[in-house]
Structures are given as C-alpha cells and as structure tokens.
Amino acid sequence: MWSGQPQPDEGHLPPLEAVSVSWKSVDSCKGCRESPGDQVEASAEEETPGEEGPAAAQARLDVSRLRSSSMEIREKGSEFLKEELHKAQKELKLKDEECERLSKVREQLERELEELTASLFEEAHKMVREANMKQAASEKQLKEARGKIDMLQAEVTALKTLVITSTPASPNRELHPQLLSPTKAVPRKGHLRHKSTSSALCPVVCPAAGHILTPDKEGKEVDTTLFAEFQAWRESPALDKNSPFLERVYREDVGPCLDFTTQELSALVRAAVEDNTLTIEPVAPQTPPTVKVAAVEYGSTNTCALSGLARACRHRIRLGDSESHYYISPSSRARITAVCNFFTYIRYIQQGLVRQDAEPMFWEITRLRKEMSLAKLGFFPQEA
C-alpha cells in the first residue's frame, strides 16, 4: 500500500524535514577534519567516505613505518660511524705511539753513532799524537846522532890538521912544547936574537926558533872590553860575524891573516876555512912524465898560488870536494893554519867540548889570535 510517507527501509531518502541536523556540530567536525596534516585525507574521506577510508589508513601506516625505519637507519648509521671513528682514533693513537717509539729508537741510534764517531776520532787523534811524538823523538835522536857525528868529524879534522902541521920528520914545536930545549936552542939562519936592556922585564919571543913562553913567566892582563865581548858571545856561541866578539876577531886577525895578493883565491880560501872544508896536503914526489895526473894543479912547487912569490912550496891546498890543488909557501901555510886552529877551538866551544872557566878559554883564544898576528907579520915555524 501506498502511504503518505515512504518508509526508510524501502531505500528512499527521508525528506529534509524529517532529518534534524545540527549545523553547528557539522561545522565543528568539518573544522577538525581540515587540520594541516590531514587535509588531503579528509577531502578523500569526504568524497568517498565508504570506499577509500581503509586505504588512507593503510597509507598513513606505511608512512609512519617508513619514518620509523628511516630513523632507525639514521641511528644505526650514526652508531656505526661513531664506532668507526672511535676505531680510527684508537688506531691513530697506536700509530702515534709506534712513531714515538721509533723516534726514540732513532734518537738513541744517532746518539750511539755520534759517540762511536767521537770515540773513533779521539782514538785516531791519539794515534796521530803518539805517531807525532815518536817521530819527534826519532828526529831528536837523529839530530843528536848527527850532532855527535859532526863533533867526531870536527875532532877528526882537527886531528888531521895537527897531523899535517906536525909530522915526525917535521914536528910543530908550537904544538909540542915538550920538544923545546931552551938551553940548547940555537938561532936558525936568518932569524937572530936581538938582545935589549928590557929583556929581563919582557923576554923576547922568537917563533922561528919555536920558543913559547909559559904563562907563569909571561906578564898578562885581561882586557875588560875584549873579555866582556867574549863572555857575551860565550852565553850563546855561534859562528855569527855580527857578534861584537867575532866581528872584532874577523876585522883584526882573520881578515888580515887571510888577505893574500891573489884576492879571488883569498876569498875562496877564507870561505873554505869558515865552512871547515879546506884540506892541506904535503906535496908528493914528482910524478913521472908517463903517468897522467887527473887533478888540476895551479902554480908550481916554486911559486906560491896565494902570494905569487917564488918560494919553495912543500904543501898544497884543496877547497872542498874540488879536485883542483893550489901550491902554497910555508908562510901562507902558517897563516892558513893559524886561522884554522882558531876556528877549530871556537867550534869546540860551540859544541860544548871545552869544559873550562871563561878566563882560561879567553886566554887560549888570545893565544890563537897572537899566532894569527905573528903569522901575518911573517913569523912561522921553519920546517926541518
């Protein structure tokens, strides 16, 4: 039957008058659904409230799950990075400790190397010092040995000079006073004694006859100036012509005694006497004409090479290692011998072989100077 109002169960919507709706509540609910986070979902629910509601809920659930999983991933990544950073820091610390240990080992090795190098250098310097000391000692011994050799050579040369100037056939009476016999001495030809009234106070000396007055019979007085010069030279004896003592002897005795007519040969003789390289030899018998003589001879047995005078020459001189010989007269030989005796004595003083006080040494030098003066004046021992 058809009634005035349709029933709701028949599928028809009720009329608007029959549904009482509160507009205020609807507006308030609508405002709640349009919150900032769910506007899209609310609009979807409004359009299809019956069919799309579960899908939106599922989407929201998936979004929340994604958010939670991303947070978990972030947290796990942060923890992993923190663990890796901590591990790297720990390894870096271990490496730093290892580097520090290796640096200490290197410093120790360098220190040991420096100490070893220093000890090696010190040992090397010590060995060098010892070698230098040994070398200095050897050089000193060699110098002393050479000094002894030179001293012995000087003694041999002096002995040779004595042998040459005094032979058994013709002894030098000045060097051998014991051969003198004053009571039996006879003046030789050409050299006569001249008596004078002052002979008692100052006995006459006759070198030609070989008379030498003994010191106790001879009046002597020391010249203070000469003695002071000799003492100054004796403190540091040397064959230096610049010393006042030797300069005076050269000027007053040596120079005039060796000043011969042949000036060039005189200079060579003087240099050889100073260097102790002069040799005086007796003249050997004449060489047969068939034998050739290698040495070069100057002058002859009848002419003196130094004075140029015609004299009987029984000796000849040789300068150094030269093979040249020069014939000399007895007067020239006496002058050269007197100078050689003086130089031999002062060399003995220089080498420390004369162990006497200053005054006896001074008087011996004065005697040798006297011989040079007499030889220069032409007095010489006449050979037998």
Protein backbone atom coordinates (compact mmCIF):
# COMPACT_ATOMS: atom_id res chain seq x y z
CA MET A 1 0.00 0.00 0.00
CA TRP A 2 0.95 3.40 -0.73
CA SER A 3 1.04 5.60 2.33
CA GLY A 4 1.56 9.28 2.67
CA GLN A 5 5.18 8.91 3.85
CA PRO A 6 7.60 6.43 2.37
CA GLN A 7 9.37 4.10 4.77
CA PRO A 8 13.08 4.30 5.21
CA ASP A 9 13.63 0.65 4.67
CA GLU A 10 12.49 0.90 1.17
CA GLY A 11 15.62 2.58 0.04
CA HIS A 12 14.39 6.09 -0.24
CA LEU A 13 15.98 9.03 1.50
CA PRO A 14 13.86 10.68 4.12
CA PRO A 15 12.69 14.13 3.44
CA LEU A 16 14.69 17.07 4.63
CA GLU A 17 12.08 18.00 7.19
CA ALA A 18 12.38 14.68 8.83
CA VAL A 19 16.19 14.87 9.41
CA SER A 20 17.21 17.26 12.06
CA VAL A 21 20.84 18.13 11.75
CA SER A 22 22.82 20.50 13.99
CA TRP A 23 24.76 22.87 11.69
CA LYS A 24 26.94 23.88 14.46
CA SER A 25 28.19 20.39 15.11
CA VAL A 26 28.73 19.76 11.45
CA ASP A 27 30.85 22.87 11.08
CA SER A 28 32.91 21.99 14.09
CA CYS A 29 33.62 18.46 12.84
CA LYS A 30 34.47 19.81 9.44
CA GLY A 31 36.98 22.14 11.04
CA CYS A 32 38.54 19.24 12.84
CA ARG A 33 38.97 17.20 9.70
CA GLU A 34 40.72 20.08 7.92
CA SER A 35 43.79 20.10 10.17
CA PRO A 36 47.15 20.85 8.37
CA GLY A 37 48.35 17.29 8.42
CA ASP A 38 45.16 15.56 7.19
CA GLN A 39 43.57 17.90 4.70
CA VAL A 40 44.20 15.59 1.79
CA GLU A 41 42.92 12.55 3.67
CA ALA A 42 39.90 14.39 4.97
CA SER A 43 38.95 15.53 1.49
CA ALA A 44 39.30 11.96 0.26
CA GLU A 45 37.09 10.68 3.05
CA GLU A 46 34.56 13.35 2.33
CA GLU A 47 34.42 12.40 -1.32
CA THR A 48 34.37 8.63 -0.76
CA PRO A 49 33.66 8.02 2.87
CA GLY A 50 32.62 4.49 2.38
CA GLU A 51 35.17 3.09 -0.05
CA GLU A 52 38.63 4.96 0.47
CA GLY A 53 38.91 5.17 4.27
CA PRO A 54 40.89 1.91 4.81
CA ALA A 55 43.39 2.74 2.00
CA ALA A 56 44.17 6.12 3.51
CA ALA A 57 44.69 4.50 6.89
CA GLN A 58 46.99 1.96 5.31
CA ALA A 59 48.96 4.75 3.59
CA ARG A 60 49.29 6.60 6.83
CA LEU A 61 50.51 3.43 8.47
CA ASP A 62 53.10 2.88 5.73
CA VAL A 63 54.31 6.47 6.01
CA SER A 64 54.71 6.12 9.76
CA ARG A 65 56.54 2.84 9.27
CA LEU A 66 58.87 4.47 6.72
CA ARG A 67 59.51 7.30 9.10
CA SER A 68 60.36 4.94 11.96
CA SER A 69 62.58 2.79 9.74
CA SER A 70 64.48 5.85 8.44
CA MET A 71 65.01 6.98 11.99
CA GLU A 72 66.30 3.55 12.92
CA ILE A 73 68.61 3.59 9.89
CA ARG A 74 69.88 7.02 10.83
CA GLU A 75 70.51 5.94 14.39
CA LYS A 76 72.26 2.74 13.31
CA GLY A 77 74.37 4.68 10.72
CA SER A 78 75.32 7.22 13.35
CA GLU A 79 76.30 4.46 15.77
CA PHE A 80 78.31 2.71 13.05
CA LEU A 81 80.11 5.90 12.12
CA LYS A 82 80.80 6.61 15.76
CA GLU A 83 82.24 3.10 16.17
CA GLU A 84 84.38 3.53 13.04
CA LEU A 85 85.58 6.94 14.22
CA HIS A 86 86.47 5.55 17.62
CA LYS A 87 88.28 2.64 15.97
CA ALA A 88 90.19 5.02 13.66
CA GLN A 89 91.13 7.23 16.59
CA LYS A 90 92.34 4.20 18.50
CA GLU A 91 94.44 3.03 15.51
CA LEU A 92 95.81 6.56 15.07
CA LYS A 93 96.79 6.65 18.72
CA LEU A 94 98.56 3.30 18.36
CA LYS A 95 100.36 4.58 15.27
CA ASP A 96 101.38 7.75 17.13
CA GLU A 97 102.76 5.63 19.97
CA GLU A 98 104.63 3.47 17.45
CA CYS A 99 106.03 6.56 15.72
CA GLU A 100 107.14 7.97 19.08
CA ARG A 101 108.82 4.68 19.97
CA LEU A 102 110.57 4.56 16.59
CA SER A 103 111.66 8.20 17.03
CA LYS A 104 113.19 7.34 20.40
CA VAL A 105 114.96 4.35 18.83
CA ARG A 106 116.26 6.57 16.03
CA GLU A 107 117.50 9.20 18.50
CA GLN A 108 119.22 6.51 20.55
CA LEU A 109 120.89 5.09 17.43
CA GLU A 110 122.02 8.56 16.34
CA ARG A 111 123.39 9.24 19.82
CA GLU A 112 125.27 5.94 19.83
CA LEU A 113 126.56 6.66 16.32
CA GLU A 114 127.80 10.10 17.40
CA GLU A 115 129.50 8.60 20.46
CA LEU A 116 131.09 5.91 18.31
CA THR A 117 132.26 8.51 15.78
CA ALA A 118 133.65 10.71 18.55
CA SER A 119 135.48 7.76 20.12
CA LEU A 120 136.88 6.78 16.71
CA PHE A 121 138.09 10.33 16.06
CA GLU A 122 139.56 10.52 19.54
CA GLU A 123 141.36 7.23 19.02
CA ALA A 124 142.60 8.42 15.63
CA HIS A 125 143.85 11.71 17.13
CA LYS A 126 145.52 9.76 19.93
CA MET A 127 147.27 7.53 17.41
CA VAL A 128 148.33 10.60 15.39
CA ARG A 129 149.66 12.28 18.56
CA GLU A 130 151.60 9.17 19.52
CA ALA A 131 152.98 8.91 15.99
CA ASN A 132 153.98 12.59 16.05
CA MET A 133 155.63 12.14 19.45
CA LYS A 134 157.52 9.11 18.21
CA GLN A 135 158.52 10.98 15.07
CA ALA A 136 159.69 13.96 17.14
CA ALA A 137 161.66 11.65 19.42
CA SER A 138 163.19 9.92 16.40
CA GLU A 139 164.05 13.26 14.81
CA LYS A 140 165.58 14.40 18.09
CA GLN A 141 167.66 11.25 18.32
CA LEU A 142 168.65 11.64 14.68
CA LYS A 143 169.64 15.25 15.31
CA GLU A 144 171.66 14.26 18.36
CA ALA A 145 173.31 11.46 16.39
CA ARG A 146 174.14 13.88 13.58
CA GLY A 147 175.50 16.32 16.15
CA LYS A 148 177.71 13.60 17.56
CA ILE A 149 178.81 12.67 14.05
CA ASP A 150 179.61 16.31 13.29
CA MET A 151 181.52 16.56 16.56
CA LEU A 152 183.51 13.45 15.75
CA GLN A 153 184.15 14.71 12.25
CA ALA A 154 185.36 18.02 13.70
CA GLU A 155 187.67 16.15 16.03
CA VAL A 156 188.96 14.02 13.15
CA THR A 157 189.50 17.16 11.07
CA ALA A 158 191.36 18.79 13.94
CA LEU A 159 193.49 15.71 14.35
CA LYS A 160 194.18 15.70 10.62
CA THR A 161 195.24 19.33 10.86
CA LEU A 162 197.54 18.52 13.75
CA VAL A 163 198.99 15.57 11.87
CA ILE A 164 199.54 17.67 8.75
CA THR A 165 201.15 20.55 10.63
CA SER A 166 203.25 18.25 12.83
CA THR A 167 204.89 15.16 11.43
CA PRO A 168 207.62 13.04 12.98
CA ALA A 169 210.01 14.32 10.35
CA SER A 170 208.98 17.92 10.91
CA PRO A 171 207.30 18.37 14.32
CA ASN A 172 205.47 21.58 15.07
CA ARG A 173 207.20 22.90 18.13
CA GLU A 174 204.36 25.27 18.95
CA LEU A 175 202.02 22.30 19.32
CA HIS A 176 204.60 20.22 21.20
CA PRO A 177 206.29 22.46 23.80
CA GLN A 178 207.94 19.42 25.38
CA LEU A 179 210.25 19.25 22.36
CA LEU A 180 211.72 22.65 23.19
CA SER A 181 215.13 22.84 24.79
CA PRO A 182 215.83 26.44 25.80
CA THR A 183 219.38 25.73 26.93
CA LYS A 184 220.28 24.07 23.65
CA ALA A 185 218.17 26.12 21.29
CA VAL A 186 220.31 27.69 18.60
CA PRO A 187 219.00 30.57 16.47
CA ARG A 188 218.42 29.45 12.95
CA LYS A 189 219.95 31.13 9.95
CA GLY A 190 218.23 34.35 9.05
CA HIS A 191 216.50 34.80 12.42
CA LEU A 192 218.91 36.21 15.06
CA ARG A 193 218.04 37.29 18.55
CA HIS A 194 218.44 40.96 19.35
CA LYS A 195 219.22 41.49 22.99
CA SER A 196 217.97 44.60 24.69
CA THR A 197 218.16 46.11 28.12
CA SER A 198 214.47 45.34 28.67
CA SER A 199 214.84 41.63 28.11
CA ALA A 200 214.69 40.94 31.82
CA LEU A 201 211.29 42.55 32.09
CA CYS A 202 209.82 41.37 28.79
CA PRO A 203 211.50 38.32 27.36
CA VAL A 204 211.76 38.25 23.57
CA VAL A 205 209.69 35.68 21.70
CA CYS A 206 211.29 34.04 18.65
CA PRO A 207 208.64 31.99 16.80
CA ALA A 208 211.18 30.94 14.19
CA ALA A 209 213.14 29.09 16.84
CA GLY A 210 209.92 27.72 18.34
CA HIS A 211 210.17 29.45 21.72
CA ILE A 212 206.83 29.76 23.54
CA LEU A 213 206.85 31.47 26.91
CA THR A 214 204.95 29.66 29.64
CA PRO A 215 202.13 31.59 31.34
CA ASP A 216 203.93 31.79 34.67
CA LYS A 217 206.82 33.67 33.06
CA GLU A 218 204.66 35.92 30.94
CA GLY A 219 203.06 39.12 32.09
CA LYS A 220 199.34 39.17 31.30
CA GLU A 221 196.41 41.45 31.95
CA VAL A 222 192.85 40.84 30.85
CA ASP A 223 191.35 43.48 28.58
CA THR A 224 187.95 44.13 30.16
CA THR A 225 186.31 45.16 26.87
CA LEU A 226 187.50 42.08 24.99
CA PHE A 227 186.63 39.83 27.92
CA ALA A 228 183.10 41.28 28.15
CA GLU A 229 182.58 40.71 24.42
CA PHE A 230 183.85 37.14 24.76
CA GLN A 231 181.54 36.43 27.73
CA ALA A 232 178.56 37.80 25.80
CA TRP A 233 179.41 35.52 22.86
CA ARG A 234 180.01 32.53 25.18
CA GLU A 235 176.45 32.70 26.54
CA SER A 236 175.12 31.73 23.09
CA PRO A 237 178.09 30.71 20.98
CA ALA A 238 177.55 30.82 17.23
CA LEU A 239 179.69 31.46 14.18
CA ASP A 240 177.89 34.72 13.54
CA LYS A 241 180.02 37.54 12.23
CA ASN A 242 177.58 40.12 13.58
CA SER A 243 178.51 39.45 17.21
CA PRO A 244 180.91 42.07 18.60
CA PHE A 245 183.44 39.40 19.62
CA LEU A 246 183.74 37.63 16.26
CA GLU A 247 183.37 40.88 14.33
CA ARG A 248 186.46 42.19 16.14
CA VAL A 249 188.40 38.95 15.54
CA TYR A 250 187.48 39.00 11.85
CA ARG A 251 188.45 42.63 11.49
CA GLU A 252 191.70 42.50 13.46
CA ASP A 253 193.01 38.96 12.89
CA VAL A 254 191.18 36.66 10.45
CA GLY A 255 190.77 39.21 7.68
CA PRO A 256 194.37 40.47 7.64
CA CYS A 257 195.79 36.97 8.08
CA LEU A 258 193.95 35.64 5.01
CA ASP A 259 194.46 38.75 2.90
CA PHE A 260 196.78 37.49 0.16
CA THR A 261 197.88 39.03 -3.11
CA THR A 262 195.52 36.86 -5.15
CA GLN A 263 192.22 38.33 -3.96
CA GLU A 264 189.88 35.88 -5.67
CA LEU A 265 191.68 32.83 -4.31
CA SER A 266 191.95 34.51 -0.91
CA ALA A 267 188.13 34.82 -0.77
CA LEU A 268 187.74 31.13 -1.68
CA VAL A 269 190.26 30.11 0.99
CA ARG A 270 188.50 32.22 3.60
CA ALA A 271 185.11 30.68 2.75
CA ALA A 272 186.57 27.17 2.87
CA VAL A 273 188.17 27.84 6.28
CA GLU A 274 184.85 29.14 7.64
CA ASP A 275 183.00 26.08 6.27
CA ASN A 276 185.71 23.71 7.54
CA THR A 277 186.23 22.28 4.04
CA LEU A 278 189.86 23.24 3.48
CA THR A 279 192.46 20.48 3.12
CA ILE A 280 196.23 20.96 3.36
CA GLU A 281 198.32 18.19 1.86
CA PRO A 282 202.09 17.71 1.66
CA VAL A 283 203.46 17.76 -1.85
CA ALA A 284 204.17 14.24 -3.06
CA PRO A 285 207.29 13.45 -5.05
CA GLN A 286 207.23 14.45 -8.69
CA THR A 287 205.03 12.21 -10.82
CA PRO A 288 206.83 10.50 -13.72
CA PRO A 289 206.02 12.04 -17.12
CA THR A 290 204.44 8.81 -18.35
CA VAL A 291 201.69 8.99 -15.70
CA LYS A 292 198.80 11.35 -16.29
CA VAL A 293 197.53 13.40 -13.31
CA ALA A 294 193.75 13.81 -13.22
CA ALA A 295 193.69 16.72 -10.76
CA VAL A 296 194.13 20.29 -11.94
CA GLU A 297 197.10 21.98 -10.31
CA TYR A 298 197.71 25.72 -10.06
CA GLY A 299 201.16 27.23 -9.65
CA SER A 300 204.19 25.09 -9.19
CA THR A 301 206.45 23.85 -6.44
CA ASN A 302 208.47 27.02 -6.87
CA THR A 303 205.62 29.59 -6.92
CA CYS A 304 203.00 30.25 -4.22
CA ALA A 305 199.49 30.46 -5.66
CA LEU A 306 198.35 32.87 -2.91
CA SER A 307 201.21 35.34 -2.68
CA GLY A 308 202.56 34.91 -6.21
CA LEU A 309 206.12 34.88 -4.85
CA ALA A 310 208.80 32.46 -5.91
CA ARG A 311 209.06 30.20 -2.90
CA ALA A 312 209.68 26.52 -2.34
CA CYS A 313 206.17 25.07 -1.90
CA ARG A 314 206.08 21.87 0.12
CA HIS A 315 202.29 21.85 0.62
CA ARG A 316 199.18 22.36 -1.45
CA ILE A 317 195.57 23.12 -0.55
CA ARG A 318 192.28 21.76 -1.85
CA LEU A 319 188.97 23.61 -1.43
CA GLY A 320 186.00 21.41 -0.55
CA ASP A 321 185.36 18.49 -2.90
CA SER A 322 187.14 20.16 -5.78
CA GLU A 323 189.94 18.25 -7.48
CA SER A 324 191.90 21.45 -8.01
CA HIS A 325 195.08 21.90 -5.96
CA TYR A 326 196.95 25.11 -5.17
CA TYR A 327 200.61 25.12 -4.12
CA ILE A 328 201.36 27.35 -1.13
CA SER A 329 204.53 28.56 0.53
CA PRO A 330 205.40 27.87 4.21
CA SER A 331 204.40 31.42 5.16
CA SER A 332 200.98 31.10 3.51
CA ARG A 333 200.52 27.69 5.11
CA ALA A 334 201.35 29.11 8.55
CA ARG A 335 198.77 31.88 8.11
CA ILE A 336 196.06 29.43 6.99
CA THR A 337 196.93 27.01 9.80
CA ALA A 338 196.73 29.75 12.44
CA VAL A 339 193.23 30.72 11.30
CA CYS A 340 192.17 27.05 11.14
CA ASN A 341 193.37 26.49 14.72
CA PHE A 342 191.29 29.47 15.88
CA PHE A 343 188.12 28.24 14.14
CA THR A 344 188.65 24.71 15.44
CA TYR A 345 188.81 25.96 19.01
CA ILE A 346 185.71 28.15 18.82
CA ARG A 347 183.84 25.25 17.20
CA TYR A 348 184.83 23.12 20.19
CA ILE A 349 183.43 25.83 22.46
CA GLN A 350 180.22 25.99 20.41
CA GLN A 351 179.77 22.22 20.63
CA GLY A 352 180.41 22.18 24.37
CA LEU A 353 183.63 20.19 24.18
CA VAL A 354 185.68 22.73 26.15
CA ARG A 355 184.83 22.46 29.83
CA GLN A 356 186.74 25.33 31.38
CA ASP A 357 186.04 28.62 33.03
CA ALA A 358 185.68 31.76 30.96
CA GLU A 359 189.13 33.17 31.73
CA PRO A 360 191.24 30.14 30.61
CA MET A 361 189.16 29.94 27.45
CA PHE A 362 189.68 33.66 26.84
CA TRP A 363 193.46 33.32 27.22
CA GLU A 364 193.53 30.37 24.83
CA ILE A 365 191.64 32.44 22.25
CA THR A 366 194.05 35.30 22.86
CA ARG A 367 196.96 32.93 22.24
CA LEU A 368 195.40 31.80 18.97
CA ARG A 369 194.87 35.43 17.95
CA LYS A 370 198.50 36.07 18.76
CA GLU A 371 199.52 33.21 16.44
CA MET A 372 197.44 34.75 13.65
CA SER A 373 199.07 38.15 14.19
CA LEU A 374 202.56 36.66 14.18
CA ALA A 375 201.80 34.63 11.06
CA LYS A 376 200.52 37.76 9.33
CA LEU A 377 203.75 39.55 10.26
CA GLY A 378 205.74 36.75 8.62
CA PHE A 379 206.76 34.66 11.65
CA PHE A 380 206.29 30.94 11.15
CA PRO A 381 207.96 27.75 12.37
CA GLN A 382 210.67 26.74 9.98
CA GLU A 383 210.45 23.15 8.80
CA ALA A 384 213.40 20.82 9.20
